[in-house]
């Protein structure tokens, strides 16, 4: 083999060897696309997707923002979720709270347990009127029990939150079905009995 032939053959040989060994030193990610995949066991460090149908799942910890339990017709029955207490503030650093919604046969919310800036609350609704409710719990202003009267106006008992400070605050008093705090500020809706239906 002449020197000129060596300058042609050897570089081509080294090029062929380096191309064949490229995947051995720097493995490239591979994508598998199939219509259906059946396996007894799949082990992965990260699983991404929009929807998964799993008959049984064993996991010590699941990180998610919402879990939805559905019936066979894909209607939600129980929803566990994380949400921001204020829908108007879209700050991504805002603290979130948890909530649980229980649904009825017609996919209407019957019971909600949740949290907000002031504390926890429970809201129950009848099956025939989703605008009606009875609620009790805390918000940033205080605590109470609330419902809607026949005209759809909120009624209830409200107890203002005690002010925190170094000086002693007057205690709240209850007189004639109303709650008044020591600052002569009435923050309560007086309960009025509904007319008989």
N, C-alpha and C. Protein backbone atom coordinates (compact mmCIF):
# COMPACT_ATOMS: atom_id res chain seq x y z
N UNK A 1 0.86 -1.18 0.00
CA UNK A 1 0.00 0.00 0.00
C UNK A 1 0.90 1.23 0.00
N UNK A 2 0.63 2.09 -0.90
CA UNK A 2 1.44 3.29 -1.02
C UNK A 2 1.06 4.28 0.08
N UNK A 3 1.93 5.26 0.23
CA UNK A 3 1.68 6.27 1.27
C UNK A 3 0.42 7.07 0.96
N UNK A 4 0.17 7.30 -0.29
CA UNK A 4 -1.04 8.05 -0.68
C UNK A 4 -2.29 7.25 -0.33
N UNK A 5 -2.26 5.93 -0.54
CA UNK A 5 -3.41 5.09 -0.19
C UNK A 5 -3.61 5.05 1.32
N UNK A 6 -2.50 5.04 2.07
CA UNK A 6 -2.62 5.07 3.53
C UNK A 6 -3.33 6.33 4.01
N UNK A 7 -3.06 7.49 3.39
CA UNK A 7 -3.70 8.75 3.77
C UNK A 7 -5.19 8.74 3.43
N UNK A 8 -5.64 7.87 2.64
CA UNK A 8 -7.07 7.75 2.32
C UNK A 8 -7.73 6.68 3.19
N UNK A 9 -7.12 5.52 3.31
CA UNK A 9 -7.74 4.38 4.00
C UNK A 9 -7.78 4.58 5.51
N UNK A 10 -6.67 4.99 6.14
CA UNK A 10 -6.63 5.09 7.60
C UNK A 10 -7.60 6.14 8.16
N UNK A 11 -7.68 7.33 7.60
CA UNK A 11 -8.69 8.27 8.13
C UNK A 11 -10.12 7.73 7.99
N UNK A 12 -10.41 7.04 6.86
CA UNK A 12 -11.75 6.46 6.72
C UNK A 12 -12.00 5.36 7.74
N UNK A 13 -10.97 4.59 8.05
CA UNK A 13 -11.08 3.53 9.05
C UNK A 13 -11.35 4.13 10.43
N UNK A 14 -10.59 5.15 10.83
CA UNK A 14 -10.80 5.80 12.12
C UNK A 14 -12.19 6.46 12.20
N UNK A 15 -12.64 7.02 11.11
CA UNK A 15 -13.98 7.63 11.07
C UNK A 15 -15.06 6.57 11.28
N UNK A 16 -14.93 5.43 10.64
CA UNK A 16 -15.91 4.35 10.78
C UNK A 16 -15.92 3.80 12.20
N UNK A 17 -14.75 3.63 12.80
CA UNK A 17 -14.68 3.13 14.18
C UNK A 17 -15.29 4.14 15.16
N UNK A 18 -14.99 5.41 15.00
CA UNK A 18 -15.52 6.43 15.93
C UNK A 18 -17.03 6.58 15.81
N UNK A 19 -17.56 6.45 14.59
CA UNK A 19 -19.02 6.51 14.42
C UNK A 19 -19.69 5.32 15.09
N UNK A 20 -19.10 4.13 14.98
CA UNK A 20 -19.70 2.94 15.58
C UNK A 20 -19.63 2.98 17.10
N UNK A 21 -18.66 3.67 17.69
CA UNK A 21 -18.52 3.72 19.14
C UNK A 21 -19.14 4.96 19.77
N UNK A 22 -19.74 5.83 19.00
CA UNK A 22 -20.29 7.07 19.52
C UNK A 22 -21.37 6.80 20.58
N UNK A 23 -22.29 5.88 20.33
CA UNK A 23 -23.37 5.57 21.27
C UNK A 23 -22.86 4.85 22.51
N UNK A 24 -21.70 4.26 22.45
CA UNK A 24 -21.18 3.53 23.61
C UNK A 24 -20.72 4.49 24.71
N UNK A 25 -20.18 5.64 24.35
CA UNK A 25 -19.66 6.58 25.34
C UNK A 25 -20.67 7.66 25.72
N UNK A 26 -21.51 8.09 24.81
CA UNK A 26 -22.54 9.09 25.10
C UNK A 26 -23.89 8.52 24.65
N UNK A 27 -24.58 7.79 25.55
CA UNK A 27 -25.86 7.21 25.14
C UNK A 27 -26.89 8.29 24.87
N UNK A 28 -27.57 8.12 23.78
CA UNK A 28 -28.60 9.07 23.37
C UNK A 28 -29.95 8.63 23.93
N UNK A 29 -30.79 9.57 24.37
CA UNK A 29 -32.12 9.19 24.84
C UNK A 29 -32.94 8.60 23.69
N UNK A 30 -33.68 7.56 24.02
CA UNK A 30 -34.47 6.90 22.99
C UNK A 30 -35.94 7.05 23.30
N UNK A 31 -36.72 7.18 22.30
CA UNK A 31 -38.17 7.33 22.44
C UNK A 31 -38.83 6.10 21.86
N UNK A 32 -39.77 5.56 22.64
CA UNK A 32 -40.53 4.40 22.20
C UNK A 32 -41.99 4.81 22.10
N UNK A 33 -42.56 4.70 20.92
CA UNK A 33 -43.97 5.04 20.73
C UNK A 33 -44.72 3.79 20.35
N UNK A 34 -45.71 3.44 21.20
CA UNK A 34 -46.52 2.26 20.94
C UNK A 34 -47.97 2.60 21.26
N UNK A 35 -48.88 1.85 20.67
CA UNK A 35 -50.29 2.04 20.96
C UNK A 35 -50.67 1.43 22.31
N UNK A 36 -50.05 0.33 22.65
CA UNK A 36 -50.36 -0.36 23.90
C UNK A 36 -49.10 -1.01 24.43
N UNK A 37 -48.86 -0.85 25.72
CA UNK A 37 -47.69 -1.44 26.36
C UNK A 37 -48.16 -2.24 27.56
N UNK A 38 -47.83 -3.51 27.59
CA UNK A 38 -48.17 -4.37 28.71
C UNK A 38 -46.88 -4.86 29.34
N UNK A 39 -46.79 -4.70 30.67
CA UNK A 39 -45.58 -5.13 31.37
C UNK A 39 -45.95 -5.51 32.79
N UNK A 40 -45.25 -6.46 33.35
CA UNK A 40 -45.47 -6.82 34.75
C UNK A 40 -44.90 -5.77 35.67
N UNK A 41 -43.78 -5.18 35.30
CA UNK A 41 -43.14 -4.20 36.16
C UNK A 41 -42.44 -3.17 35.29
N UNK A 42 -42.61 -1.89 35.64
CA UNK A 42 -41.89 -0.81 34.98
C UNK A 42 -41.20 -0.01 36.08
N UNK A 43 -39.92 0.18 35.97
CA UNK A 43 -39.16 0.94 36.94
C UNK A 43 -38.61 2.17 36.25
N UNK A 44 -38.88 3.34 36.83
CA UNK A 44 -38.44 4.58 36.23
C UNK A 44 -38.15 5.60 37.32
N UNK A 45 -37.30 6.55 37.02
CA UNK A 45 -37.04 7.63 37.98
C UNK A 45 -37.99 8.80 37.74
N UNK A 46 -38.54 8.92 36.55
CA UNK A 46 -39.47 10.00 36.23
C UNK A 46 -40.47 9.51 35.20
N UNK A 47 -41.74 9.68 35.50
CA UNK A 47 -42.80 9.27 34.60
C UNK A 47 -43.64 10.49 34.27
N UNK A 48 -43.71 10.85 33.02
CA UNK A 48 -44.45 12.02 32.58
C UNK A 48 -45.60 11.60 31.69
N UNK A 49 -46.71 12.29 31.81
CA UNK A 49 -47.85 12.00 30.96
C UNK A 49 -49.06 12.82 31.37
N UNK A 50 -50.08 12.81 30.55
CA UNK A 50 -51.28 13.56 30.86
C UNK A 50 -52.34 12.70 31.52
N UNK A 51 -52.34 11.40 31.27
CA UNK A 51 -53.36 10.52 31.84
C UNK A 51 -52.79 9.11 31.96
N UNK A 52 -53.07 8.49 33.10
CA UNK A 52 -52.62 7.11 33.32
C UNK A 52 -53.77 6.34 33.94
N UNK A 53 -53.98 5.12 33.50
CA UNK A 53 -55.00 4.25 34.06
C UNK A 53 -54.29 3.11 34.77
N UNK A 54 -54.40 3.11 36.11
CA UNK A 54 -53.68 2.14 36.92
C UNK A 54 -54.68 1.46 37.84
N UNK A 55 -54.68 0.12 37.84
CA UNK A 55 -55.61 -0.61 38.71
C UNK A 55 -55.21 -0.53 40.17
N UNK A 56 -53.93 -0.60 40.46
CA UNK A 56 -53.46 -0.58 41.83
C UNK A 56 -52.13 0.14 41.88
N UNK A 57 -51.97 1.01 42.87
CA UNK A 57 -50.74 1.79 42.99
C UNK A 57 -50.26 1.72 44.43
N UNK A 58 -49.03 1.32 44.61
CA UNK A 58 -48.40 1.30 45.93
C UNK A 58 -47.28 2.32 45.91
N UNK A 59 -47.40 3.34 46.74
CA UNK A 59 -46.37 4.37 46.77
C UNK A 59 -46.32 4.96 48.18
N UNK A 60 -45.12 5.13 48.73
CA UNK A 60 -45.03 5.72 50.05
C UNK A 60 -45.37 7.20 50.06
N UNK A 61 -45.19 7.89 48.95
CA UNK A 61 -45.44 9.32 48.88
C UNK A 61 -45.78 9.70 47.45
N UNK A 62 -46.85 10.47 47.28
CA UNK A 62 -47.25 10.96 45.96
C UNK A 62 -47.28 12.48 46.04
N UNK A 63 -46.58 13.14 45.13
CA UNK A 63 -46.59 14.60 45.06
C UNK A 63 -47.52 15.02 43.92
N UNK A 64 -48.56 15.78 44.25
CA UNK A 64 -49.48 16.25 43.23
C UNK A 64 -50.28 17.42 43.79
N UNK A 65 -50.99 18.13 42.93
CA UNK A 65 -51.82 19.24 43.37
C UNK A 65 -53.28 18.83 43.53
N UNK A 66 -53.67 17.74 42.90
CA UNK A 66 -55.07 17.31 42.98
C UNK A 66 -55.17 15.81 42.74
N UNK A 67 -56.01 15.17 43.54
CA UNK A 67 -56.35 13.76 43.34
C UNK A 67 -57.85 13.69 43.20
N UNK A 68 -58.32 13.01 42.18
CA UNK A 68 -59.76 12.93 41.91
C UNK A 68 -60.18 11.47 41.85
N UNK A 69 -61.14 11.10 42.70
CA UNK A 69 -61.70 9.76 42.68
C UNK A 69 -62.97 9.82 41.85
N UNK A 70 -63.07 8.95 40.84
CA UNK A 70 -64.20 8.99 39.91
C UNK A 70 -64.96 7.68 39.95
N UNK A 71 -66.22 7.73 39.51
CA UNK A 71 -66.99 6.50 39.37
C UNK A 71 -66.69 5.88 37.99
N UNK A 72 -67.39 4.83 37.64
CA UNK A 72 -67.11 4.14 36.37
C UNK A 72 -67.43 4.98 35.14
N UNK A 73 -68.28 6.01 35.31
CA UNK A 73 -68.62 6.90 34.18
C UNK A 73 -67.73 8.14 34.16
N UNK A 74 -66.64 8.14 34.92
CA UNK A 74 -65.67 9.25 35.00
C UNK A 74 -66.26 10.50 35.63
N UNK A 75 -67.29 10.36 36.46
CA UNK A 75 -67.83 11.49 37.21
C UNK A 75 -67.08 11.61 38.52
N UNK A 76 -66.66 12.84 38.90
CA UNK A 76 -65.91 12.98 40.15
C UNK A 76 -66.79 12.68 41.36
N UNK A 77 -66.21 12.00 42.35
CA UNK A 77 -66.91 11.70 43.60
C UNK A 77 -66.20 12.31 44.80
N UNK A 78 -64.87 12.28 44.78
CA UNK A 78 -64.07 12.89 45.83
C UNK A 78 -62.90 13.60 45.15
N UNK A 79 -62.66 14.85 45.54
CA UNK A 79 -61.54 15.60 45.00
C UNK A 79 -60.73 16.17 46.16
N UNK A 80 -59.47 15.81 46.23
CA UNK A 80 -58.52 16.39 47.18
C UNK A 80 -57.67 17.35 46.39
N UNK A 81 -57.54 18.58 46.86
CA UNK A 81 -56.84 19.57 46.04
C UNK A 81 -56.08 20.57 46.89
N UNK A 82 -55.15 21.23 46.26
CA UNK A 82 -54.41 22.33 46.84
C UNK A 82 -54.74 23.57 46.03
N UNK A 83 -55.07 24.67 46.72
CA UNK A 83 -55.45 25.87 46.00
C UNK A 83 -55.06 27.10 46.80
N UNK A 84 -55.03 28.26 46.13
CA UNK A 84 -54.76 29.51 46.82
C UNK A 84 -56.08 30.04 47.36
N UNK A 85 -56.09 30.57 48.60
CA UNK A 85 -57.35 31.03 49.18
C UNK A 85 -58.00 32.18 48.42
N UNK A 86 -57.20 33.01 47.76
CA UNK A 86 -57.74 34.14 47.03
C UNK A 86 -57.61 33.89 45.54
N UNK A 87 -58.74 33.84 44.84
CA UNK A 87 -58.71 33.59 43.40
C UNK A 87 -58.21 34.82 42.63
N UNK A 88 -58.23 36.01 43.26
CA UNK A 88 -57.83 37.22 42.55
C UNK A 88 -56.31 37.38 42.53
N UNK A 89 -55.62 36.82 43.51
CA UNK A 89 -54.17 36.98 43.59
C UNK A 89 -53.51 35.79 42.91
N UNK A 90 -52.83 36.02 41.81
CA UNK A 90 -52.20 34.95 41.04
C UNK A 90 -50.70 34.88 41.30
N UNK A 91 -50.24 35.37 42.45
CA UNK A 91 -48.83 35.31 42.79
C UNK A 91 -48.41 33.86 42.99
N UNK A 92 -47.42 33.36 42.24
CA UNK A 92 -47.03 31.96 42.38
C UNK A 92 -46.40 31.65 43.73
N UNK A 93 -45.93 32.66 44.46
CA UNK A 93 -45.33 32.44 45.78
C UNK A 93 -46.35 32.47 46.90
N UNK A 94 -47.62 32.72 46.58
CA UNK A 94 -48.65 32.78 47.60
C UNK A 94 -48.86 31.40 48.21
N UNK A 95 -49.08 31.36 49.52
CA UNK A 95 -49.27 30.09 50.20
C UNK A 95 -50.59 29.46 49.77
N UNK A 96 -50.58 28.13 49.71
CA UNK A 96 -51.78 27.41 49.32
C UNK A 96 -52.37 26.70 50.54
N UNK A 97 -53.63 26.31 50.41
CA UNK A 97 -54.33 25.56 51.45
C UNK A 97 -54.92 24.31 50.81
N UNK A 98 -55.38 23.39 51.64
CA UNK A 98 -55.95 22.15 51.13
C UNK A 98 -57.46 22.18 51.18
N UNK A 99 -58.07 21.32 50.37
CA UNK A 99 -59.52 21.22 50.35
C UNK A 99 -59.96 19.84 49.91
N UNK A 100 -61.14 19.44 50.38
CA UNK A 100 -61.75 18.17 49.99
C UNK A 100 -63.18 18.47 49.57
N UNK A 101 -63.58 18.01 48.40
CA UNK A 101 -64.96 18.15 47.92
C UNK A 101 -65.56 16.77 47.75
N UNK A 102 -66.77 16.57 48.27
CA UNK A 102 -67.50 15.32 48.09
C UNK A 102 -68.68 15.60 47.18
N UNK A 103 -68.89 14.76 46.17
CA UNK A 103 -69.89 14.98 45.14
C UNK A 103 -71.04 13.99 45.29
N UNK A 104 -72.24 14.40 44.83
CA UNK A 104 -73.42 13.55 44.85
C UNK A 104 -73.58 12.77 43.57
N UNK A 105 -74.74 12.14 43.43
CA UNK A 105 -75.00 11.28 42.27
C UNK A 105 -75.05 12.06 40.96
N UNK A 106 -75.43 13.32 41.01
CA UNK A 106 -75.52 14.14 39.80
C UNK A 106 -74.30 15.07 39.64
N UNK A 107 -73.18 14.69 40.22
CA UNK A 107 -71.92 15.44 40.15
C UNK A 107 -72.02 16.84 40.75
N UNK A 108 -72.89 17.03 41.73
CA UNK A 108 -72.98 18.30 42.42
C UNK A 108 -72.20 18.21 43.73
N UNK A 109 -71.57 19.32 44.12
CA UNK A 109 -70.80 19.35 45.36
C UNK A 109 -71.77 19.35 46.53
N UNK A 110 -71.65 18.35 47.42
CA UNK A 110 -72.51 18.25 48.59
C UNK A 110 -71.81 18.71 49.86
N UNK A 111 -70.50 18.50 49.95
CA UNK A 111 -69.75 18.84 51.15
C UNK A 111 -68.36 19.30 50.75
N UNK A 112 -67.93 20.42 51.34
CA UNK A 112 -66.58 20.93 51.10
C UNK A 112 -65.92 21.19 52.44
N UNK A 113 -64.71 20.69 52.59
CA UNK A 113 -63.87 20.99 53.73
C UNK A 113 -62.67 21.73 53.18
N UNK A 114 -62.32 22.81 53.81
CA UNK A 114 -61.21 23.57 53.26
C UNK A 114 -60.57 24.46 54.28
N UNK A 115 -59.64 25.25 53.80
CA UNK A 115 -58.93 26.19 54.63
C UNK A 115 -58.83 27.52 53.92
N UNK A 116 -58.60 28.55 54.69
CA UNK A 116 -58.37 29.87 54.13
C UNK A 116 -57.38 30.59 55.03
N UNK A 117 -57.23 31.87 54.85
CA UNK A 117 -56.23 32.63 55.60
C UNK A 117 -56.52 32.58 57.10
N UNK A 118 -57.79 32.55 57.49
CA UNK A 118 -58.14 32.61 58.91
C UNK A 118 -58.27 31.27 59.59
N UNK A 119 -58.46 30.19 58.85
CA UNK A 119 -58.63 28.88 59.46
C UNK A 119 -59.40 27.94 58.55
N UNK A 120 -60.03 26.93 59.16
CA UNK A 120 -60.74 25.92 58.39
C UNK A 120 -62.23 26.18 58.34
N UNK A 121 -62.91 25.53 57.39
CA UNK A 121 -64.36 25.68 57.25
C UNK A 121 -64.97 24.42 56.67
N UNK A 122 -66.28 24.29 56.87
CA UNK A 122 -67.07 23.19 56.31
C UNK A 122 -68.30 23.82 55.66
N UNK A 123 -68.60 23.43 54.43
CA UNK A 123 -69.77 23.92 53.71
C UNK A 123 -70.57 22.71 53.24
N UNK A 124 -71.87 22.69 53.55
CA UNK A 124 -72.75 21.63 53.05
C UNK A 124 -73.80 22.24 52.16
N UNK A 125 -74.20 21.49 51.13
CA UNK A 125 -75.20 21.97 50.16
C UNK A 125 -76.25 20.89 49.94
N UNK A 126 -77.50 21.28 49.67
CA UNK A 126 -78.52 20.29 49.35
C UNK A 126 -78.36 19.80 47.91
N UNK A 127 -78.99 18.68 47.59
CA UNK A 127 -78.87 18.14 46.23
C UNK A 127 -79.70 18.93 45.22
N UNK A 128 -80.76 19.60 45.68
CA UNK A 128 -81.66 20.26 44.72
C UNK A 128 -81.33 21.71 44.43
N UNK A 129 -80.49 22.39 45.22
CA UNK A 129 -80.18 23.80 45.00
C UNK A 129 -78.72 24.06 45.36
N UNK A 130 -77.83 24.12 44.37
CA UNK A 130 -76.41 24.31 44.63
C UNK A 130 -76.07 25.73 45.08
N UNK A 131 -77.02 26.67 44.97
CA UNK A 131 -76.77 28.02 45.46
C UNK A 131 -77.04 28.15 46.95
N UNK A 132 -77.75 27.20 47.53
CA UNK A 132 -78.05 27.21 48.96
C UNK A 132 -76.90 26.53 49.70
N UNK A 133 -76.67 26.91 50.95
CA UNK A 133 -75.60 26.27 51.72
C UNK A 133 -75.79 26.55 53.20
N UNK A 134 -75.13 25.73 54.01
CA UNK A 134 -74.93 25.97 55.43
C UNK A 134 -73.44 25.81 55.64
N UNK A 135 -72.82 26.78 56.31
CA UNK A 135 -71.37 26.74 56.50
C UNK A 135 -71.01 27.15 57.92
N UNK A 136 -69.93 26.59 58.39
CA UNK A 136 -69.37 27.06 59.65
C UNK A 136 -67.85 26.96 59.57
N UNK A 137 -67.19 27.85 60.30
CA UNK A 137 -65.74 27.84 60.29
C UNK A 137 -65.16 29.21 60.52
N UNK A 138 -63.93 29.37 60.08
CA UNK A 138 -63.15 30.58 60.32
C UNK A 138 -62.81 31.26 59.00
N UNK A 139 -62.69 32.57 59.05
CA UNK A 139 -62.05 33.32 57.98
C UNK A 139 -61.18 34.38 58.65
N UNK A 140 -60.61 35.30 57.86
CA UNK A 140 -59.68 36.27 58.43
C UNK A 140 -60.35 37.22 59.42
N UNK A 141 -61.68 37.35 59.38
CA UNK A 141 -62.37 38.28 60.27
C UNK A 141 -62.82 37.63 61.57
N UNK A 142 -63.09 36.32 61.54
CA UNK A 142 -63.58 35.66 62.75
C UNK A 142 -64.14 34.30 62.44
N UNK A 143 -65.10 33.85 63.27
CA UNK A 143 -65.70 32.53 63.07
C UNK A 143 -67.21 32.65 63.15
N UNK A 144 -67.91 31.63 62.63
CA UNK A 144 -69.35 31.70 62.69
C UNK A 144 -70.04 30.54 62.00
N UNK A 145 -71.36 30.64 62.01
CA UNK A 145 -72.26 29.69 61.36
C UNK A 145 -73.14 30.50 60.42
N UNK A 146 -73.22 30.11 59.14
CA UNK A 146 -73.91 30.92 58.14
C UNK A 146 -74.84 30.06 57.30
N UNK A 147 -75.90 30.66 56.78
CA UNK A 147 -76.82 30.01 55.86
C UNK A 147 -77.50 31.07 55.02
N UNK A 148 -78.27 30.66 54.04
CA UNK A 148 -79.03 31.59 53.21
C UNK A 148 -80.50 31.50 53.58
N UNK A 149 -81.16 32.67 53.66
CA UNK A 149 -82.60 32.65 53.92
C UNK A 149 -83.35 32.43 52.61
N UNK A 150 -84.68 32.50 52.65
CA UNK A 150 -85.49 32.23 51.45
C UNK A 150 -85.21 33.20 50.32
N UNK A 151 -84.80 34.41 50.64
CA UNK A 151 -84.50 35.40 49.62
C UNK A 151 -83.06 35.30 49.13
N UNK A 152 -82.29 34.35 49.64
CA UNK A 152 -80.91 34.18 49.22
C UNK A 152 -79.93 35.09 49.91
N UNK A 153 -80.37 35.74 50.99
CA UNK A 153 -79.48 36.62 51.74
C UNK A 153 -78.75 35.83 52.83
N UNK A 154 -77.45 36.09 53.04
CA UNK A 154 -76.72 35.36 54.07
C UNK A 154 -77.20 35.76 55.47
N UNK A 155 -77.38 34.79 56.30
CA UNK A 155 -77.76 34.98 57.70
C UNK A 155 -76.82 34.14 58.54
N UNK A 156 -76.72 34.45 59.81
CA UNK A 156 -75.90 33.62 60.66
C UNK A 156 -75.43 34.30 61.91
N UNK A 157 -74.62 33.59 62.64
CA UNK A 157 -73.99 34.08 63.85
C UNK A 157 -72.52 34.29 63.55
N UNK A 158 -71.97 35.41 63.98
CA UNK A 158 -70.58 35.71 63.70
C UNK A 158 -69.90 36.20 64.97
N UNK A 159 -68.72 35.67 65.22
CA UNK A 159 -67.92 36.09 66.37
C UNK A 159 -66.63 36.66 65.82
N UNK A 160 -66.38 37.97 66.04
CA UNK A 160 -65.15 38.57 65.52
C UNK A 160 -63.92 37.95 66.17
N UNK A 161 -62.85 37.97 65.42
CA UNK A 161 -61.57 37.45 65.91
C UNK A 161 -61.02 38.42 66.96
N UNK A 162 -60.45 37.88 68.03
CA UNK A 162 -59.86 38.71 69.08
C UNK A 162 -58.59 39.35 68.54
N UNK A 163 -58.44 40.63 68.85
CA UNK A 163 -57.24 41.36 68.43
C UNK A 163 -56.07 40.91 69.28
N UNK A 164 -54.93 40.67 68.66
CA UNK A 164 -53.73 40.30 69.38
C UNK A 164 -52.92 41.56 69.64
N UNK A 165 -52.56 41.77 70.85
CA UNK A 165 -51.77 42.94 71.19
C UNK A 165 -51.30 42.86 72.62
N UNK A 166 -50.38 43.77 73.03
CA UNK A 166 -49.86 43.72 74.38
C UNK A 166 -50.89 44.10 75.43
N UNK A 167 -51.79 45.04 75.08
CA UNK A 167 -52.80 45.44 76.05
C UNK A 167 -53.96 44.46 76.03
N UNK A 168 -54.61 44.32 77.14
CA UNK A 168 -55.74 43.39 77.26
C UNK A 168 -56.92 43.93 76.48
N UNK A 169 -57.54 43.10 75.71
CA UNK A 169 -58.71 43.48 74.93
C UNK A 169 -59.97 43.09 75.70
N UNK A 170 -61.02 43.88 75.59
CA UNK A 170 -62.28 43.49 76.24
C UNK A 170 -62.80 42.20 75.63
N UNK A 171 -63.45 41.40 76.43
CA UNK A 171 -63.99 40.14 75.93
C UNK A 171 -65.25 40.39 75.13
N UNK A 172 -65.53 39.48 74.23
CA UNK A 172 -66.75 39.57 73.43
C UNK A 172 -67.94 39.23 74.30
N UNK A 173 -69.04 39.87 74.03
CA UNK A 173 -70.27 39.60 74.79
C UNK A 173 -71.37 39.21 73.83
N UNK A 174 -72.28 38.42 74.32
CA UNK A 174 -73.43 38.01 73.52
C UNK A 174 -74.67 38.56 74.20
N UNK A 175 -75.41 39.39 73.48
CA UNK A 175 -76.65 39.94 74.00
C UNK A 175 -77.69 39.95 72.90
N UNK A 176 -78.85 39.43 73.19
CA UNK A 176 -79.99 39.44 72.27
C UNK A 176 -79.65 38.82 70.92
N UNK A 177 -78.84 37.77 70.92
CA UNK A 177 -78.55 37.08 69.67
C UNK A 177 -77.52 37.76 68.81
N UNK A 178 -76.90 38.86 69.28
CA UNK A 178 -75.86 39.52 68.50
C UNK A 178 -74.56 39.46 69.27
N UNK A 179 -73.47 39.56 68.54
CA UNK A 179 -72.15 39.54 69.16
C UNK A 179 -71.54 40.91 68.98
N UNK A 180 -71.04 41.48 70.06
CA UNK A 180 -70.39 42.78 69.99
C UNK A 180 -69.01 42.65 70.59
N UNK A 181 -68.02 43.33 70.00
CA UNK A 181 -66.71 43.30 70.63
C UNK A 181 -66.51 44.59 71.40
N UNK A 182 -65.42 44.67 72.17
CA UNK A 182 -65.20 45.79 73.07
C UNK A 182 -64.95 47.10 72.36
N UNK A 183 -64.65 47.10 71.06
CA UNK A 183 -64.36 48.33 70.32
C UNK A 183 -65.64 48.95 69.76
N UNK A 184 -66.79 48.53 70.26
CA UNK A 184 -68.10 49.03 69.79
C UNK A 184 -68.25 48.87 68.29
N UNK A 185 -67.62 47.86 67.75
CA UNK A 185 -67.70 47.61 66.32
C UNK A 185 -68.53 46.35 66.13
N UNK A 186 -69.66 46.45 65.48
CA UNK A 186 -70.52 45.30 65.31
C UNK A 186 -70.21 44.66 63.96
N UNK A 187 -69.61 43.46 64.00
CA UNK A 187 -69.19 42.77 62.79
C UNK A 187 -69.99 41.51 62.57
N UNK A 188 -71.20 41.45 63.08
CA UNK A 188 -71.95 40.22 63.10
C UNK A 188 -73.29 40.40 62.44
N UNK A 189 -73.73 39.39 61.78
CA UNK A 189 -75.08 39.41 61.22
C UNK A 189 -75.99 38.72 62.22
N UNK A 190 -77.09 39.37 62.55
CA UNK A 190 -78.00 38.78 63.52
C UNK A 190 -78.79 37.67 62.85
N UNK A 191 -78.92 36.56 63.57
CA UNK A 191 -79.66 35.41 63.04
C UNK A 191 -81.15 35.69 63.11
N UNK A 192 -81.81 35.53 62.00
CA UNK A 192 -83.25 35.67 61.97
C UNK A 192 -83.85 34.34 61.57
N UNK A 193 -84.81 33.85 62.33
CA UNK A 193 -85.39 32.54 61.98
C UNK A 193 -86.12 32.61 60.65
N UNK A 194 -85.92 31.59 59.83
CA UNK A 194 -86.62 31.53 58.55
C UNK A 194 -88.09 31.21 58.79
N UNK A 195 -88.92 31.70 57.89
CA UNK A 195 -90.34 31.34 57.95
C UNK A 195 -90.50 29.86 57.65
N UNK A 196 -91.50 29.24 58.21
CA UNK A 196 -91.71 27.82 57.92
C UNK A 196 -92.04 27.64 56.46
N UNK A 197 -91.49 26.57 55.88
CA UNK A 197 -91.68 26.33 54.45
C UNK A 197 -93.04 25.74 54.19
